[in-house]
Each structure stands twice: as C-alpha cells, then as structure tokens.
C-alpha cells in the first residue's frame, strides 16, 4: 500500500480531512470508516472515538495532503 495512493481515494479523504481539520465527520458511510481502520490509518480509541492510528501518521498525513493541493498531478496527454 502506498500511502499517497490511498489518500487519493475519496472514501479515505472524506474521513481523514475532517479529522485533521478538527471538524465533525458528518455523514460518512460506516464502510469507509472500517476501510480506514482495516488499512491501519485510523483506530477506535477508548473514550475518544475514531483517531489517526499513530503519531507518525498524525505528522505525515497533513503534509501529504498539503503537498497534493500545492502540486496536483497532471496527466500527460496520450500520444496518437
């Protein structure tokens, strides 16, 4: 699993982005939350609910998301 690739997925971003911003998740499908738990990006913390799984991810996830906003990938046109 490449972390940057997973963060491109809408189901990952709609959970991670509000968590990093400190806002409510809103209406997020339970399957999306379970997907992030299964990937190891998030975990259920007793008394705190859903959290980023570990300190490294808490440090790295905002950087990756910010980098992608500043430097969007552009696909090259296909030849022919």
PDB file of N, CA and C in Angstrom:
ATOM      1  N   UNK A   1       0.846  -1.182   0.000  1.00  0.00           N
ATOM      2  CA  UNK A   1       0.000   0.000   0.000  1.00  0.00           C
ATOM      3  C   UNK A   1       0.885   1.237   0.000  1.00  0.00           C
ATOM      4  N   UNK A   2       0.681   2.112  -0.961  1.00  0.00           N
ATOM      5  CA  UNK A   2       1.340   3.405  -0.961  1.00  0.00           C
ATOM      6  C   UNK A   2       0.391   4.395  -0.316  1.00  0.00           C
ATOM      7  N   UNK A   3       0.863   5.053   0.709  1.00  0.00           N
ATOM      8  CA  UNK A   3       0.024   5.983   1.454  1.00  0.00           C
ATOM      9  C   UNK A   3      -0.526   7.083   0.558  1.00  0.00           C
ATOM     10  N   UNK A   4       0.300   7.647  -0.284  1.00  0.00           N
ATOM     11  CA  UNK A   4      -0.147   8.721  -1.175  1.00  0.00           C
ATOM     12  C   UNK A   4      -1.254   8.243  -2.104  1.00  0.00           C
ATOM     13  N   UNK A   5      -1.164   7.009  -2.573  1.00  0.00           N
ATOM     14  CA  UNK A   5      -2.213   6.458  -3.436  1.00  0.00           C
ATOM     15  C   UNK A   5      -3.530   6.320  -2.683  1.00  0.00           C
ATOM     16  N   UNK A   6      -3.461   5.843  -1.444  1.00  0.00           N
ATOM     17  CA  UNK A   6      -4.681   5.686  -0.642  1.00  0.00           C
ATOM     18  C   UNK A   6      -5.327   7.029  -0.357  1.00  0.00           C
ATOM     19  N   UNK A   7      -4.524   8.078  -0.161  1.00  0.00           N
ATOM     20  CA  UNK A   7      -5.077   9.394   0.139  1.00  0.00           C
ATOM     21  C   UNK A   7      -5.753  10.042  -1.061  1.00  0.00           C
ATOM     22  N   UNK A   8      -5.576   9.482  -2.233  1.00  0.00           N
ATOM     23  CA  UNK A   8      -6.282   9.964  -3.423  1.00  0.00           C
ATOM     24  C   UNK A   8      -7.721   9.461  -3.464  1.00  0.00           C
ATOM     25  N   UNK A   9      -7.997   8.406  -2.706  1.00  0.00           N
ATOM     26  CA  UNK A   9      -9.329   7.816  -2.710  1.00  0.00           C
ATOM     27  C   UNK A   9     -10.304   8.710  -1.940  1.00  0.00           C
ATOM     28  N   UNK A  10     -11.454   8.975  -2.546  1.00  0.00           N
ATOM     29  CA  UNK A  10     -12.470   9.824  -1.934  1.00  0.00           C
ATOM     30  C   UNK A  10     -12.888   9.286  -0.577  1.00  0.00           C
ATOM     31  N   UNK A  11     -13.055   7.983  -0.468  1.00  0.00           N
ATOM     32  CA  UNK A  11     -13.528   7.401   0.794  1.00  0.00           C
ATOM     33  C   UNK A  11     -12.516   7.580   1.905  1.00  0.00           C
ATOM     34  N   UNK A  12     -11.245   7.714   1.566  1.00  0.00           N
ATOM     35  CA  UNK A  12     -10.213   7.968   2.566  1.00  0.00           C
ATOM     36  C   UNK A  12     -10.195   9.458   2.913  1.00  0.00           C
ATOM     37  N   UNK A  13     -10.210  10.312   1.905  1.00  0.00           N
ATOM     38  CA  UNK A  13     -10.145  11.758   2.135  1.00  0.00           C
ATOM     39  C   UNK A  13     -11.345  12.279   2.918  1.00  0.00           C
ATOM     40  N   UNK A  14     -12.539  11.733   2.679  1.00  0.00           N
ATOM     41  CA  UNK A  14     -13.714  12.271   3.375  1.00  0.00           C
ATOM     42  C   UNK A  14     -13.744  11.909   4.857  1.00  0.00           C
ATOM     43  N   UNK A  15     -12.871  10.990   5.282  1.00  0.00           N
ATOM     44  CA  UNK A  15     -12.725  10.701   6.710  1.00  0.00           C
ATOM     45  C   UNK A  15     -11.507  11.436   7.269  1.00  0.00           C
ATOM     46  N   UNK A  16     -10.376  11.350   6.588  1.00  0.00           N
ATOM     47  CA  UNK A  16      -9.120  11.911   7.099  1.00  0.00           C
ATOM     48  C   UNK A  16      -9.151  13.443   7.134  1.00  0.00           C
ATOM     49  N   UNK A  17      -9.635  14.091   6.087  1.00  0.00           N
ATOM     50  CA  UNK A  17      -9.586  15.557   6.019  1.00  0.00           C
ATOM     51  C   UNK A  17     -10.306  16.223   7.195  1.00  0.00           C
ATOM     52  N   UNK A  18     -11.558  15.847   7.519  1.00  0.00           N
ATOM     53  CA  UNK A  18     -12.199  16.487   8.678  1.00  0.00           C
ATOM     54  C   UNK A  18     -11.486  16.170   9.993  1.00  0.00           C
ATOM     55  N   UNK A  19     -10.949  14.975  10.124  1.00  0.00           N
ATOM     56  CA  UNK A  19     -10.236  14.621  11.354  1.00  0.00           C
ATOM     57  C   UNK A  19      -9.024  15.533  11.538  1.00  0.00           C
ATOM     58  N   UNK A  20      -8.277  15.760  10.476  1.00  0.00           N
ATOM     59  CA  UNK A  20      -7.091  16.610  10.566  1.00  0.00           C
ATOM     60  C   UNK A  20      -7.472  18.067  10.803  1.00  0.00           C
ATOM     61  N   UNK A  21      -8.637  18.477  10.285  1.00  0.00           N
ATOM     62  CA  UNK A  21      -9.098  19.849  10.464  1.00  0.00           C
ATOM     63  C   UNK A  21      -9.775  20.058  11.817  1.00  0.00           C
ATOM     64  N   UNK A  22     -10.049  18.967  12.518  1.00  0.00           N
ATOM     65  CA  UNK A  22     -10.703  19.067  13.810  1.00  0.00           C
ATOM     66  C   UNK A  22     -12.189  19.333  13.721  1.00  0.00           C
ATOM     67  N   UNK A  23     -12.797  18.961  12.589  1.00  0.00           N
ATOM     68  CA  UNK A  23     -14.226  19.156  12.404  1.00  0.00           C
ATOM     69  C   UNK A  23     -14.944  17.808  12.433  1.00  0.00           C
ATOM     70  N   UNK A  24     -16.259  17.871  12.540  1.00  0.00           N
ATOM     71  CA  UNK A  24     -17.077  16.658  12.579  1.00  0.00           C
ATOM     72  C   UNK A  24     -17.023  15.944  11.236  1.00  0.00           C
ATOM     73  N   UNK A  25     -17.120  14.629  11.287  1.00  0.00           N
ATOM     74  CA  UNK A  25     -17.093  13.843  10.053  1.00  0.00           C
ATOM     75  C   UNK A  25     -18.353  14.033   9.224  1.00  0.00           C
ATOM     76  N   UNK A  26     -19.453  14.279   9.847  1.00  0.00           N
ATOM     77  CA  UNK A  26     -20.702  14.385   9.104  1.00  0.00           C
ATOM     78  C   UNK A  26     -21.182  13.005   8.704  1.00  0.00           C
ATOM     79  N   UNK A  27     -21.862  12.933   7.591  1.00  0.00           N
ATOM     80  CA  UNK A  27     -22.421  11.672   7.107  1.00  0.00           C
ATOM     81  C   UNK A  27     -21.366  10.896   6.320  1.00  0.00           C
ATOM     82  N   UNK A  28     -20.675  10.020   6.996  1.00  0.00           N
ATOM     83  CA  UNK A  28     -19.661   9.177   6.359  1.00  0.00           C
ATOM     84  C   UNK A  28     -20.119   7.732   6.482  1.00  0.00           C
ATOM     85  N   UNK A  29     -20.155   6.998   5.384  1.00  0.00           N
ATOM     86  CA  UNK A  29     -20.561   5.595   5.468  1.00  0.00           C
ATOM     87  C   UNK A  29     -19.682   4.804   6.439  1.00  0.00           C
ATOM     88  N   UNK A  30     -20.310   3.959   7.224  1.00  0.00           N
ATOM     89  CA  UNK A  30     -19.592   3.113   8.180  1.00  0.00           C
ATOM     90  C   UNK A  30     -18.534   2.259   7.476  1.00  0.00           C
ATOM     91  N   UNK A  31     -18.827   1.854   6.246  1.00  0.00           N
ATOM     92  CA  UNK A  31     -17.857   1.061   5.468  1.00  0.00           C
ATOM     93  C   UNK A  31     -16.565   1.838   5.228  1.00  0.00           C
ATOM     94  N   UNK A  32     -16.677   3.157   5.020  1.00  0.00           N
ATOM     95  CA  UNK A  32     -15.484   3.977   4.801  1.00  0.00           C
ATOM     96  C   UNK A  32     -14.630   4.036   6.058  1.00  0.00           C
ATOM     97  N   UNK A  33     -15.282   4.186   7.209  1.00  0.00           N
ATOM     98  CA  UNK A  33     -14.552   4.215   8.475  1.00  0.00           C
ATOM     99  C   UNK A  33     -13.861   2.874   8.708  1.00  0.00           C
ATOM    100  N   UNK A  34     -14.586   1.795   8.470  1.00  0.00           N
ATOM    101  CA  UNK A  34     -13.995   0.466   8.661  1.00  0.00           C
ATOM    102  C   UNK A  34     -12.831   0.242   7.705  1.00  0.00           C
ATOM    103  N   UNK A  35     -12.936   0.759   6.486  1.00  0.00           N
ATOM    104  CA  UNK A  35     -11.863   0.653   5.498  1.00  0.00           C
ATOM    105  C   UNK A  35     -10.578   1.293   6.037  1.00  0.00           C
ATOM    106  N   UNK A  36     -10.683   2.486   6.631  1.00  0.00           N
ATOM    107  CA  UNK A  36      -9.508   3.149   7.187  1.00  0.00           C
ATOM    108  C   UNK A  36      -8.943   2.405   8.383  1.00  0.00           C
ATOM    109  N   UNK A  37      -9.813   1.824   9.183  1.00  0.00           N
ATOM    110  CA  UNK A  37      -9.350   1.005  10.305  1.00  0.00           C
ATOM    111  C   UNK A  37      -8.621  -0.224   9.775  1.00  0.00           C
ATOM    112  N   UNK A  38      -9.199  -0.875   8.771  1.00  0.00           N
ATOM    113  CA  UNK A  38      -8.566  -2.059   8.177  1.00  0.00           C
ATOM    114  C   UNK A  38      -7.215  -1.732   7.539  1.00  0.00           C
ATOM    115  N   UNK A  39      -7.093  -0.531   6.949  1.00  0.00           N
ATOM    116  CA  UNK A  39      -5.813  -0.113   6.364  1.00  0.00           C
ATOM    117  C   UNK A  39      -4.779   0.216   7.431  1.00  0.00           C
ATOM    118  N   UNK A  40      -5.238   0.467   8.645  1.00  0.00           N
ATOM    119  CA  UNK A  40      -4.332   0.846   9.721  1.00  0.00           C
ATOM    120  C   UNK A  40      -4.090   2.337   9.803  1.00  0.00           C
ATOM    121  N   UNK A  41      -4.854   3.132   9.056  1.00  0.00           N
ATOM    122  CA  UNK A  41      -4.708   4.583   9.105  1.00  0.00           C
ATOM    123  C   UNK A  41      -5.403   5.175  10.328  1.00  0.00           C
ATOM    124  N   UNK A  42      -6.486   4.552  10.768  1.00  0.00           N
ATOM    125  CA  UNK A  42      -7.262   5.027  11.909  1.00  0.00           C
ATOM    126  C   UNK A  42      -7.503   3.881  12.875  1.00  0.00           C
ATOM    127  N   UNK A  43      -7.904   4.251  14.081  1.00  0.00           N
ATOM    128  CA  UNK A  43      -8.277   3.260  15.089  1.00  0.00           C
ATOM    129  C   UNK A  43      -9.340   3.871  15.987  1.00  0.00           C
ATOM    130  N   UNK A  44     -10.040   3.007  16.692  1.00  0.00           N
ATOM    131  CA  UNK A  44     -11.016   3.462  17.670  1.00  0.00           C
ATOM    132  C   UNK A  44     -10.297   3.547  19.010  1.00  0.00           C
ATOM    133  N   UNK A  45     -10.233   4.743  19.574  1.00  0.00           N
ATOM    134  CA  UNK A  45      -9.560   4.969  20.850  1.00  0.00           C
ATOM    135  C   UNK A  45     -10.612   5.043  21.953  1.00  0.00           C
ATOM    136  N   UNK A  46     -10.442   4.277  23.015  1.00  0.00           N
ATOM    137  CA  UNK A  46     -11.406   4.314  24.112  1.00  0.00           C
ATOM    138  C   UNK A  46     -11.586   5.737  24.646  1.00  0.00           C
ATOM    139  N   UNK A  47     -12.834   6.162  24.701  1.00  0.00           N
ATOM    140  CA  UNK A  47     -13.158   7.483  25.220  1.00  0.00           C
ATOM    141  C   UNK A  47     -12.932   8.628  24.250  1.00  0.00           C
ATOM    142  N   UNK A  48     -12.303   8.359  23.117  1.00  0.00           N
ATOM    143  CA  UNK A  48     -12.028   9.422  22.138  1.00  0.00           C
ATOM    144  C   UNK A  48     -12.648   9.148  20.785  1.00  0.00           C
ATOM    145  N   UNK A  49     -13.054   7.940  20.542  1.00  0.00           N
ATOM    146  CA  UNK A  49     -13.635   7.590  19.249  1.00  0.00           C
ATOM    147  C   UNK A  49     -12.577   7.370  18.190  1.00  0.00           C
ATOM    148  N   UNK A  50     -12.917   7.698  16.957  1.00  0.00           N
ATOM    149  CA  UNK A  50     -12.020   7.478  15.826  1.00  0.00           C
ATOM    150  C   UNK A  50     -10.855   8.462  15.868  1.00  0.00           C
ATOM    151  N   UNK A  51      -9.639   7.960  15.762  1.00  0.00           N
ATOM    152  CA  UNK A  51      -8.438   8.796  15.754  1.00  0.00           C
ATOM    153  C   UNK A  51      -7.478   8.290  14.685  1.00  0.00           C
ATOM    154  N   UNK A  52      -6.511   9.136  14.348  1.00  0.00           N
ATOM    155  CA  UNK A  52      -5.419   8.714  13.466  1.00  0.00           C
ATOM    156  C   UNK A  52      -4.655   7.631  14.222  1.00  0.00           C
ATOM    157  N   UNK A  53      -4.252   6.586  13.530  1.00  0.00           N
ATOM    158  CA  UNK A  53      -3.736   5.375  14.169  1.00  0.00           C
ATOM    159  C   UNK A  53      -2.454   5.551  14.969  1.00  0.00           C
ATOM    160  N   UNK A  54      -1.563   6.399  14.511  1.00  0.00           N
ATOM    161  CA  UNK A  54      -0.286   6.509  15.233  1.00  0.00           C
ATOM    162  C   UNK A  54       0.320   7.898  15.038  1.00  0.00           C
ATOM    163  N   UNK A  55       1.297   8.251  15.868  1.00  0.00           N
ATOM    164  CA  UNK A  55       1.902   9.581  15.790  1.00  0.00           C
ATOM    165  C   UNK A  55       2.565   9.888  14.452  1.00  0.00           C
ATOM    166  N   UNK A  56       3.125   8.881  13.821  1.00  0.00           N
ATOM    167  CA  UNK A  56       3.764   9.113  12.518  1.00  0.00           C
ATOM    168  C   UNK A  56       2.727   9.549  11.499  1.00  0.00           C
ATOM    169  N   UNK A  57       1.602   8.856  11.444  1.00  0.00           N
ATOM    170  CA  UNK A  57       0.539   9.259  10.514  1.00  0.00           C
ATOM    171  C   UNK A  57       0.001  10.642  10.848  1.00  0.00           C
ATOM    172  N   UNK A  58      -0.108  10.986  12.128  1.00  0.00           N
ATOM    173  CA  UNK A  58      -0.585  12.327  12.509  1.00  0.00           C
ATOM    174  C   UNK A  58       0.359  13.404  11.988  1.00  0.00           C
ATOM    175  N   UNK A  59       1.622  13.072  11.880  1.00  0.00           N
ATOM    176  CA  UNK A  59       2.620  14.016  11.369  1.00  0.00           C
ATOM    177  C   UNK A  59       2.648  14.049   9.837  1.00  0.00           C
ATOM    178  N   UNK A  60       2.551  12.890   9.215  1.00  0.00           N
ATOM    179  CA  UNK A  60       2.759  12.760   7.773  1.00  0.00           C
ATOM    180  C   UNK A  60       1.504  13.064   6.946  1.00  0.00           C
ATOM    181  N   UNK A  61       0.342  12.654   7.411  1.00  0.00           N
ATOM    182  CA  UNK A  61      -0.883  12.825   6.610  1.00  0.00           C
ATOM    183  C   UNK A  61      -1.138  14.276   6.211  1.00  0.00           C
ATOM    184  N   UNK A  62      -1.049  15.242   7.128  1.00  0.00           N
ATOM    185  CA  UNK A  62      -1.268  16.628   6.692  1.00  0.00           C
ATOM    186  C   UNK A  62      -0.259  17.092   5.649  1.00  0.00           C
ATOM    187  N   UNK A  63       0.963  16.644   5.760  1.00  0.00           N
ATOM    188  CA  UNK A  63       1.997  17.039   4.786  1.00  0.00           C
ATOM    189  C   UNK A  63       1.685  16.485   3.402  1.00  0.00           C
ATOM    190  N   UNK A  64       1.279  15.240   3.347  1.00  0.00           N
ATOM    191  CA  UNK A  64       0.970  14.628   2.052  1.00  0.00           C
ATOM    192  C   UNK A  64      -0.231  15.323   1.414  1.00  0.00           C
ATOM    193  N   UNK A  65      -1.266  15.563   2.210  1.00  0.00           N
ATOM    194  CA  UNK A  65      -2.462  16.224   1.674  1.00  0.00           C
ATOM    195  C   UNK A  65      -2.145  17.647   1.234  1.00  0.00           C
ATOM    196  N   UNK A  66      -1.338  18.370   1.992  1.00  0.00           N
ATOM    197  CA  UNK A  66      -0.967  19.738   1.626  1.00  0.00           C
ATOM    198  C   UNK A  66      -0.111  19.747   0.365  1.00  0.00           C
ATOM    199  N   UNK A  67       0.808  18.814   0.250  1.00  0.00           N
ATOM    200  CA  UNK A  67       1.656  18.734  -0.934  1.00  0.00           C
ATOM    201  C   UNK A  67       0.813  18.487  -2.180  1.00  0.00           C
ATOM    202  N   UNK A  68      -0.166  17.608  -2.064  1.00  0.00           N
ATOM    203  CA  UNK A  68      -1.014  17.296  -3.218  1.00  0.00           C
ATOM    204  C   UNK A  68      -1.826  18.506  -3.651  1.00  0.00           C
ATOM    205  N   UNK A  69      -2.249  19.358  -2.692  1.00  0.00           N
ATOM    206  CA  UNK A  69      -3.012  20.563  -3.062  1.00  0.00           C
ATOM    207  C   UNK A  69      -2.125  21.572  -3.761  1.00  0.00           C
ATOM    208  N   UNK A  70      -0.865  21.675  -3.326  1.00  0.00           N
ATOM    209  CA  UNK A  70       0.054  22.645  -3.931  1.00  0.00           C
ATOM    210  C   UNK A  70       0.626  22.162  -5.250  1.00  0.00           C
ATOM    211  N   UNK A  71       0.741  20.843  -5.406  1.00  0.00           N
ATOM    212  CA  UNK A  71       1.376  20.262  -6.596  1.00  0.00           C
ATOM    213  C   UNK A  71       0.488  19.167  -7.182  1.00  0.00           C
ATOM    214  N   UNK A  72      -0.634  19.546  -7.771  1.00  0.00           N
ATOM    215  CA  UNK A  72      -1.517  18.497  -8.309  1.00  0.00           C
ATOM    216  C   UNK A  72      -0.851  17.743  -9.452  1.00  0.00           C
ATOM    217  N   UNK A  73      -1.124  16.472  -9.510  1.00  0.00           N
ATOM    218  CA  UNK A  73      -0.583  15.651 -10.601  1.00  0.00           C
ATOM    219  C   UNK A  73      -1.350  15.949 -11.871  1.00  0.00           C
ATOM    220  N   UNK A  74      -0.628  16.108 -12.923  1.00  0.00           N
ATOM    221  CA  UNK A  74      -1.268  16.307 -14.222  1.00  0.00           C
ATOM    222  C   UNK A  74      -0.863  15.159 -15.111  1.00  0.00           C
ATOM    223  N   UNK A  75      -1.840  14.615 -15.759  1.00  0.00           N
ATOM    224  CA  UNK A  75      -1.546  13.510 -16.661  1.00  0.00           C
ATOM    225  C   UNK A  75      -1.094  14.083 -18.009  1.00  0.00           C
ATOM    226  N   UNK A  76      -0.119  13.407 -18.560  1.00  0.00           N
ATOM    227  CA  UNK A  76       0.333  13.792 -19.887  1.00  0.00           C
ATOM    228  C   UNK A  76      -0.667  13.291 -20.904  1.00  0.00           C
ATOM    229  N   UNK A  77      -0.894  14.081 -21.957  1.00  0.00           N
ATOM    230  CA  UNK A  77      -1.817  13.579 -22.999  1.00  0.00           C
ATOM    231  C   UNK A  77      -1.239  12.333 -23.652  1.00  0.00           C
ATOM    232  N   UNK A  78      -2.138  11.443 -23.995  1.00  0.00           N
ATOM    233  CA  UNK A  78      -1.716  10.223 -24.694  1.00  0.00           C
ATOM    234  C   UNK A  78      -1.328  10.539 -26.119  1.00  0.00           C
ATOM    235  N   UNK A  79      -0.238   9.954 -26.565  1.00  0.00           N
ATOM    236  CA  UNK A  79       0.144  10.176 -27.974  1.00  0.00           C
ATOM    237  C   UNK A  79      -0.839   9.454 -28.910  1.00  0.00           C
ATOM    238  N   UNK A  80      -1.031  10.059 -30.043  1.00  0.00           N
ATOM    239  CA  UNK A  80      -1.776   9.381 -31.092  1.00  0.00           C
ATOM    240  C   UNK A  80      -3.136   9.704 -31.127  1.00  0.00           C
TER     241      UNK A  80
END
